[in-house]
Amino acid sequence: MGWTPALSVGVEMIDEQHKTWFDKAEKLFEAGRNRQAKEYIGELLEFLDSYTKKHFADEEEYMLSINYPGYEAQKKAHDSFIEKLAQLKEEYNSSGGNLLVIINANKMVIDWLTNHISIMDRKIGEFVREQEK
């Protein structure tokens, strides 16, 4: 599940950060195919925790700078993701990386990449293009 131009938001900074996200997600799936997901999941969760917070902050700052009307919905979705990620990290740390945590991490990443980016984030680019007309 790699990044494709069809997933482009149309805002270079956001697209570049999304590409990094997809790269890390692909590594998780590859580790799973190689039966190494347990080892990789801790690294992925740490990456998601630090990178996601930076990405969300950058994206939110950008939305505010362009007076994006969907900012509040985006902020709410971002906060929800960070909360779910914290729960997943807690489960991982307490379980030692059992299969359920790995499955939940996969599901969370896939849901975010396919739903949030392709639906909500894409609207940011649409708004930008509309303002340029």
N, C-alpha and C. Protein backbone atom coordinates (compact mmCIF):
# COMPACT_ATOMS: atom_id res chain seq x y z
N MET A 1 0.84 -1.17 0.00
CA MET A 1 0.00 0.00 0.00
C MET A 1 0.89 1.23 0.00
N GLY A 2 1.30 1.64 -1.15
CA GLY A 2 2.17 2.78 -1.26
C GLY A 2 1.43 4.06 -1.59
N TRP A 3 2.12 5.18 -1.43
CA TRP A 3 1.55 6.47 -1.78
C TRP A 3 1.49 6.55 -3.29
N THR A 4 0.40 7.10 -3.81
CA THR A 4 0.27 7.32 -5.24
C THR A 4 -0.15 8.77 -5.47
N PRO A 5 0.10 9.29 -6.66
CA PRO A 5 -0.33 10.66 -6.95
C PRO A 5 -1.83 10.87 -6.75
N ALA A 6 -2.62 9.80 -6.83
CA ALA A 6 -4.06 9.92 -6.61
C ALA A 6 -4.38 10.36 -5.18
N LEU A 7 -3.43 10.14 -4.26
CA LEU A 7 -3.63 10.53 -2.86
C LEU A 7 -3.10 11.93 -2.57
N SER A 8 -2.59 12.59 -3.58
CA SER A 8 -2.03 13.93 -3.39
C SER A 8 -3.11 14.91 -2.94
N VAL A 9 -2.74 15.70 -1.94
CA VAL A 9 -3.61 16.75 -1.45
C VAL A 9 -3.45 17.98 -2.35
N GLY A 10 -2.25 18.13 -2.91
CA GLY A 10 -1.97 19.28 -3.75
C GLY A 10 -1.24 20.38 -3.01
N VAL A 11 -0.83 20.10 -1.77
CA VAL A 11 -0.04 21.03 -0.97
C VAL A 11 1.26 20.30 -0.69
N GLU A 12 2.36 20.80 -1.24
CA GLU A 12 3.63 20.07 -1.22
C GLU A 12 4.06 19.61 0.16
N MET A 13 4.02 20.50 1.14
CA MET A 13 4.47 20.14 2.49
C MET A 13 3.64 18.97 3.04
N ILE A 14 2.35 19.02 2.87
CA ILE A 14 1.47 17.96 3.37
C ILE A 14 1.72 16.67 2.60
N ASP A 15 1.83 16.76 1.28
CA ASP A 15 2.08 15.56 0.47
C ASP A 15 3.39 14.89 0.84
N GLU A 16 4.44 15.67 1.06
CA GLU A 16 5.74 15.09 1.41
C GLU A 16 5.67 14.37 2.76
N GLN A 17 4.98 14.96 3.70
CA GLN A 17 4.84 14.31 5.00
C GLN A 17 3.99 13.04 4.89
N HIS A 18 2.96 13.08 4.07
CA HIS A 18 2.14 11.88 3.86
C HIS A 18 2.97 10.76 3.22
N LYS A 19 3.86 11.11 2.31
CA LYS A 19 4.71 10.09 1.67
C LYS A 19 5.57 9.39 2.73
N THR A 20 6.07 10.15 3.69
CA THR A 20 6.87 9.57 4.78
C THR A 20 6.01 8.61 5.59
N TRP A 21 4.77 9.02 5.85
CA TRP A 21 3.82 8.17 6.58
C TRP A 21 3.63 6.85 5.84
N PHE A 22 3.36 6.92 4.55
CA PHE A 22 3.13 5.72 3.75
C PHE A 22 4.35 4.82 3.75
N ASP A 23 5.53 5.42 3.68
CA ASP A 23 6.77 4.65 3.69
C ASP A 23 6.88 3.83 4.98
N LYS A 24 6.61 4.46 6.11
CA LYS A 24 6.69 3.76 7.40
C LYS A 24 5.61 2.68 7.49
N ALA A 25 4.42 2.99 7.01
CA ALA A 25 3.34 2.00 7.04
C ALA A 25 3.72 0.79 6.18
N GLU A 26 4.28 1.05 5.03
CA GLU A 26 4.69 -0.05 4.13
C GLU A 26 5.73 -0.94 4.82
N LYS A 27 6.62 -0.32 5.59
CA LYS A 27 7.63 -1.10 6.31
C LYS A 27 6.97 -1.99 7.37
N LEU A 28 5.91 -1.51 8.00
CA LEU A 28 5.19 -2.34 8.97
C LEU A 28 4.58 -3.54 8.27
N PHE A 29 3.93 -3.29 7.14
CA PHE A 29 3.29 -4.39 6.43
C PHE A 29 4.32 -5.40 5.92
N GLU A 30 5.46 -4.89 5.47
CA GLU A 30 6.55 -5.75 5.02
C GLU A 30 7.07 -6.59 6.19
N ALA A 31 7.22 -5.97 7.35
CA ALA A 31 7.67 -6.71 8.53
C ALA A 31 6.67 -7.80 8.88
N GLY A 32 5.39 -7.48 8.75
CA GLY A 32 4.36 -8.48 9.02
C GLY A 32 4.45 -9.66 8.06
N ARG A 33 4.70 -9.37 6.79
CA ARG A 33 4.85 -10.45 5.80
C ARG A 33 6.07 -11.31 6.10
N ASN A 34 7.08 -10.69 6.71
CA ASN A 34 8.30 -11.42 7.06
C ASN A 34 8.26 -11.96 8.50
N ARG A 35 7.08 -11.89 9.10
CA ARG A 35 6.88 -12.37 10.47
C ARG A 35 7.78 -11.64 11.49
N GLN A 36 7.97 -10.35 11.26
CA GLN A 36 8.78 -9.53 12.16
C GLN A 36 7.97 -8.35 12.72
N ALA A 37 6.67 -8.41 12.58
CA ALA A 37 5.83 -7.28 12.98
C ALA A 37 6.00 -6.95 14.45
N LYS A 38 6.17 -7.96 15.29
CA LYS A 38 6.31 -7.71 16.72
C LYS A 38 7.52 -6.83 17.00
N GLU A 39 8.62 -7.08 16.30
CA GLU A 39 9.82 -6.29 16.49
C GLU A 39 9.65 -4.87 15.94
N TYR A 40 8.94 -4.76 14.83
CA TYR A 40 8.82 -3.47 14.17
C TYR A 40 7.77 -2.57 14.80
N ILE A 41 6.75 -3.16 15.41
CA ILE A 41 5.62 -2.38 15.88
C ILE A 41 6.02 -1.33 16.90
N GLY A 42 6.95 -1.66 17.80
CA GLY A 42 7.40 -0.67 18.78
C GLY A 42 8.03 0.53 18.11
N GLU A 43 8.85 0.26 17.11
CA GLU A 43 9.49 1.34 16.35
C GLU A 43 8.45 2.17 15.61
N LEU A 44 7.48 1.50 15.01
CA LEU A 44 6.43 2.21 14.29
C LEU A 44 5.63 3.10 15.23
N LEU A 45 5.27 2.58 16.39
CA LEU A 45 4.48 3.37 17.33
C LEU A 45 5.25 4.59 17.81
N GLU A 46 6.55 4.44 18.03
CA GLU A 46 7.37 5.59 18.43
C GLU A 46 7.42 6.63 17.30
N PHE A 47 7.61 6.14 16.07
CA PHE A 47 7.63 7.04 14.91
C PHE A 47 6.30 7.78 14.80
N LEU A 48 5.20 7.03 14.87
CA LEU A 48 3.89 7.64 14.73
C LEU A 48 3.66 8.68 15.82
N ASP A 49 4.09 8.37 17.02
CA ASP A 49 3.88 9.29 18.12
C ASP A 49 4.60 10.61 17.87
N SER A 50 5.85 10.56 17.50
CA SER A 50 6.60 11.81 17.31
C SER A 50 6.27 12.46 15.96
N TYR A 51 6.27 11.70 14.89
CA TYR A 51 6.07 12.27 13.56
C TYR A 51 4.65 12.78 13.37
N THR A 52 3.69 12.01 13.87
CA THR A 52 2.29 12.41 13.70
C THR A 52 2.01 13.72 14.40
N LYS A 53 2.54 13.88 15.59
CA LYS A 53 2.31 15.14 16.31
C LYS A 53 2.91 16.32 15.55
N LYS A 54 4.10 16.13 14.98
CA LYS A 54 4.72 17.19 14.19
C LYS A 54 3.90 17.47 12.93
N HIS A 55 3.51 16.38 12.24
CA HIS A 55 2.73 16.54 11.01
C HIS A 55 1.41 17.25 11.30
N PHE A 56 0.72 16.81 12.33
CA PHE A 56 -0.56 17.44 12.66
C PHE A 56 -0.37 18.91 13.00
N ALA A 57 0.66 19.23 13.76
CA ALA A 57 0.92 20.63 14.10
C ALA A 57 1.20 21.45 12.84
N ASP A 58 2.01 20.90 11.94
CA ASP A 58 2.31 21.60 10.68
C ASP A 58 1.05 21.79 9.85
N GLU A 59 0.27 20.73 9.75
CA GLU A 59 -0.95 20.78 8.94
C GLU A 59 -1.95 21.77 9.55
N GLU A 60 -2.08 21.75 10.87
CA GLU A 60 -3.02 22.67 11.53
C GLU A 60 -2.56 24.12 11.39
N GLU A 61 -1.27 24.34 11.50
CA GLU A 61 -0.73 25.70 11.31
C GLU A 61 -1.02 26.18 9.89
N TYR A 62 -0.83 25.29 8.93
CA TYR A 62 -1.10 25.64 7.53
C TYR A 62 -2.58 25.97 7.34
N MET A 63 -3.46 25.13 7.90
CA MET A 63 -4.90 25.37 7.74
C MET A 63 -5.30 26.72 8.33
N LEU A 64 -4.73 27.04 9.49
CA LEU A 64 -5.04 28.34 10.10
C LEU A 64 -4.53 29.49 9.23
N SER A 65 -3.36 29.30 8.62
CA SER A 65 -2.76 30.36 7.80
C SER A 65 -3.58 30.67 6.55
N ILE A 66 -4.37 29.69 6.09
CA ILE A 66 -5.19 29.91 4.89
C ILE A 66 -6.67 30.10 5.25
N ASN A 67 -6.95 30.19 6.57
CA ASN A 67 -8.33 30.31 7.05
C ASN A 67 -9.22 29.19 6.54
N TYR A 68 -8.71 27.98 6.64
CA TYR A 68 -9.44 26.80 6.16
C TYR A 68 -10.69 26.57 6.99
N PRO A 69 -11.87 26.52 6.37
CA PRO A 69 -13.12 26.40 7.14
C PRO A 69 -13.30 25.02 7.80
N GLY A 70 -12.58 24.01 7.36
CA GLY A 70 -12.70 22.68 7.95
C GLY A 70 -11.71 22.41 9.06
N TYR A 71 -11.08 23.48 9.56
CA TYR A 71 -10.04 23.32 10.58
C TYR A 71 -10.53 22.56 11.82
N GLU A 72 -11.67 22.94 12.35
CA GLU A 72 -12.16 22.34 13.60
C GLU A 72 -12.37 20.84 13.44
N ALA A 73 -12.96 20.42 12.31
CA ALA A 73 -13.18 18.98 12.08
C ALA A 73 -11.85 18.25 11.96
N GLN A 74 -10.89 18.87 11.28
CA GLN A 74 -9.56 18.28 11.14
C GLN A 74 -8.89 18.15 12.51
N LYS A 75 -8.94 19.21 13.30
CA LYS A 75 -8.32 19.22 14.62
C LYS A 75 -8.92 18.11 15.49
N LYS A 76 -10.23 17.95 15.42
CA LYS A 76 -10.92 16.91 16.19
C LYS A 76 -10.44 15.53 15.74
N ALA A 77 -10.32 15.32 14.44
CA ALA A 77 -9.85 14.03 13.92
C ALA A 77 -8.41 13.77 14.34
N HIS A 78 -7.58 14.79 14.28
CA HIS A 78 -6.18 14.66 14.70
C HIS A 78 -6.10 14.28 16.18
N ASP A 79 -6.86 14.99 17.01
CA ASP A 79 -6.84 14.71 18.45
C ASP A 79 -7.31 13.29 18.74
N SER A 80 -8.31 12.84 18.01
CA SER A 80 -8.83 11.48 18.18
C SER A 80 -7.76 10.45 17.81
N PHE A 81 -7.05 10.71 16.71
CA PHE A 81 -6.00 9.78 16.29
C PHE A 81 -4.90 9.71 17.34
N ILE A 82 -4.49 10.85 17.87
CA ILE A 82 -3.43 10.88 18.88
C ILE A 82 -3.87 10.13 20.14
N GLU A 83 -5.14 10.27 20.49
CA GLU A 83 -5.68 9.55 21.65
C GLU A 83 -5.66 8.03 21.40
N LYS A 84 -6.10 7.61 20.21
CA LYS A 84 -6.08 6.18 19.88
C LYS A 84 -4.65 5.64 19.84
N LEU A 85 -3.75 6.44 19.34
CA LEU A 85 -2.35 6.04 19.28
C LEU A 85 -1.78 5.85 20.69
N ALA A 86 -2.13 6.75 21.60
CA ALA A 86 -1.67 6.63 22.99
C ALA A 86 -2.20 5.35 23.62
N GLN A 87 -3.46 5.01 23.34
CA GLN A 87 -4.04 3.77 23.86
C GLN A 87 -3.32 2.56 23.29
N LEU A 88 -3.03 2.61 22.00
CA LEU A 88 -2.34 1.51 21.34
C LEU A 88 -0.93 1.33 21.91
N LYS A 89 -0.24 2.43 22.14
CA LYS A 89 1.11 2.36 22.74
C LYS A 89 1.04 1.75 24.14
N GLU A 90 0.02 2.14 24.90
CA GLU A 90 -0.14 1.60 26.24
C GLU A 90 -0.40 0.08 26.17
N GLU A 91 -1.26 -0.34 25.24
CA GLU A 91 -1.53 -1.77 25.06
C GLU A 91 -0.26 -2.51 24.65
N TYR A 92 0.50 -1.91 23.76
CA TYR A 92 1.75 -2.54 23.31
C TYR A 92 2.72 -2.71 24.48
N ASN A 93 2.88 -1.65 25.25
CA ASN A 93 3.82 -1.69 26.38
C ASN A 93 3.39 -2.69 27.45
N SER A 94 2.10 -2.80 27.68
CA SER A 94 1.64 -3.72 28.73
C SER A 94 1.56 -5.16 28.25
N SER A 95 1.38 -5.37 26.95
CA SER A 95 1.23 -6.75 26.44
C SER A 95 2.52 -7.32 25.88
N GLY A 96 3.51 -6.45 25.66
CA GLY A 96 4.74 -6.93 25.04
C GLY A 96 4.60 -7.15 23.55
N GLY A 97 3.59 -6.55 22.95
CA GLY A 97 3.44 -6.63 21.49
C GLY A 97 2.71 -7.86 21.02
N ASN A 98 1.57 -8.18 21.66
CA ASN A 98 0.84 -9.37 21.21
C ASN A 98 0.19 -9.14 19.85
N LEU A 99 -0.34 -10.19 19.27
CA LEU A 99 -0.89 -10.16 17.92
C LEU A 99 -2.03 -9.14 17.79
N LEU A 100 -2.86 -9.05 18.81
CA LEU A 100 -3.99 -8.11 18.75
C LEU A 100 -3.50 -6.67 18.60
N VAL A 101 -2.45 -6.31 19.30
CA VAL A 101 -1.90 -4.96 19.20
C VAL A 101 -1.38 -4.73 17.78
N ILE A 102 -0.72 -5.72 17.22
CA ILE A 102 -0.20 -5.61 15.85
C ILE A 102 -1.34 -5.43 14.86
N ILE A 103 -2.40 -6.22 15.02
CA ILE A 103 -3.56 -6.11 14.13
C ILE A 103 -4.20 -4.73 14.28
N ASN A 104 -4.36 -4.26 15.52
CA ASN A 104 -4.96 -2.95 15.75
C ASN A 104 -4.11 -1.82 15.16
N ALA A 105 -2.79 -1.96 15.25
CA ALA A 105 -1.90 -0.95 14.66
C ALA A 105 -2.06 -0.93 13.14
N ASN A 106 -2.09 -2.11 12.54
CA ASN A 106 -2.30 -2.21 11.09
C ASN A 106 -3.61 -1.54 10.70
N LYS A 107 -4.67 -1.88 11.41
CA LYS A 107 -6.00 -1.36 11.09
C LYS A 107 -6.03 0.17 11.24
N MET A 108 -5.45 0.67 12.33
CA MET A 108 -5.46 2.10 12.57
C MET A 108 -4.71 2.85 11.46
N VAL A 109 -3.55 2.34 11.08
CA VAL A 109 -2.76 2.99 10.04
C VAL A 109 -3.49 2.94 8.70
N ILE A 110 -4.03 1.78 8.35
CA ILE A 110 -4.74 1.65 7.06
C ILE A 110 -5.96 2.57 7.04
N ASP A 111 -6.74 2.56 8.12
CA ASP A 111 -7.93 3.43 8.18
C ASP A 111 -7.55 4.89 8.00
N TRP A 112 -6.48 5.30 8.70
CA TRP A 112 -6.07 6.70 8.62
C TRP A 112 -5.59 7.05 7.21
N LEU A 113 -4.75 6.19 6.67
CA LEU A 113 -4.18 6.49 5.35
C LEU A 113 -5.25 6.50 4.28
N THR A 114 -6.19 5.57 4.36
CA THR A 114 -7.18 5.50 3.29
C THR A 114 -8.33 6.47 3.50
N ASN A 115 -8.75 6.65 4.73
CA ASN A 115 -9.92 7.50 4.95
C ASN A 115 -9.58 8.97 5.19
N HIS A 116 -8.75 9.24 6.17
CA HIS A 116 -8.49 10.63 6.51
C HIS A 116 -7.77 11.38 5.39
N ILE A 117 -6.71 10.80 4.89
CA ILE A 117 -5.93 11.49 3.85
C ILE A 117 -6.73 11.65 2.57
N SER A 118 -7.38 10.57 2.14
CA SER A 118 -8.07 10.63 0.85
C SER A 118 -9.38 11.42 0.91
N ILE A 119 -9.93 11.62 2.09
CA ILE A 119 -11.19 12.37 2.19
C ILE A 119 -10.96 13.74 2.82
N MET A 120 -10.56 13.76 4.09
CA MET A 120 -10.47 15.04 4.81
C MET A 120 -9.31 15.91 4.32
N ASP A 121 -8.12 15.31 4.21
CA ASP A 121 -6.96 16.13 3.81
C ASP A 121 -7.09 16.62 2.38
N ARG A 122 -7.69 15.82 1.55
CA ARG A 122 -7.86 16.23 0.15
C ARG A 122 -8.67 17.52 0.05
N LYS A 123 -9.58 17.72 0.98
CA LYS A 123 -10.41 18.93 0.97
C LYS A 123 -9.58 20.19 1.20
N ILE A 124 -8.45 20.05 1.89
CA ILE A 124 -7.56 21.21 2.08
C ILE A 124 -7.06 21.68 0.72
N GLY A 125 -6.58 20.73 -0.08
CA GLY A 125 -6.10 21.07 -1.42
C GLY A 125 -7.19 21.65 -2.30
N GLU A 126 -8.39 21.09 -2.19
CA GLU A 126 -9.52 21.62 -2.97
C GLU A 126 -9.81 23.06 -2.57
N PHE A 127 -9.75 23.33 -1.28
CA PHE A 127 -9.98 24.70 -0.80
C PHE A 127 -8.91 25.65 -1.35
N VAL A 128 -7.65 25.23 -1.31
CA VAL A 128 -6.54 26.05 -1.80
C VAL A 128 -6.76 26.34 -3.29
N ARG A 129 -7.07 25.33 -4.07
CA ARG A 129 -7.28 25.53 -5.51
C ARG A 129 -8.47 26.46 -5.77
N GLU A 130 -9.50 26.36 -4.97
CA GLU A 130 -10.67 27.20 -5.12
C GLU A 130 -10.31 28.67 -4.84
N GLN A 131 -9.44 28.90 -3.86
CA GLN A 131 -9.04 30.26 -3.50
C GLN A 131 -8.16 30.89 -4.59
N GLU A 132 -7.48 30.04 -5.35
CA GLU A 132 -6.58 30.55 -6.39
C GLU A 132 -7.32 30.96 -7.65
N LYS A 133 -8.58 30.61 -7.75
CA LYS A 133 -9.36 30.95 -8.96
C LYS A 133 -9.73 32.40 -9.01
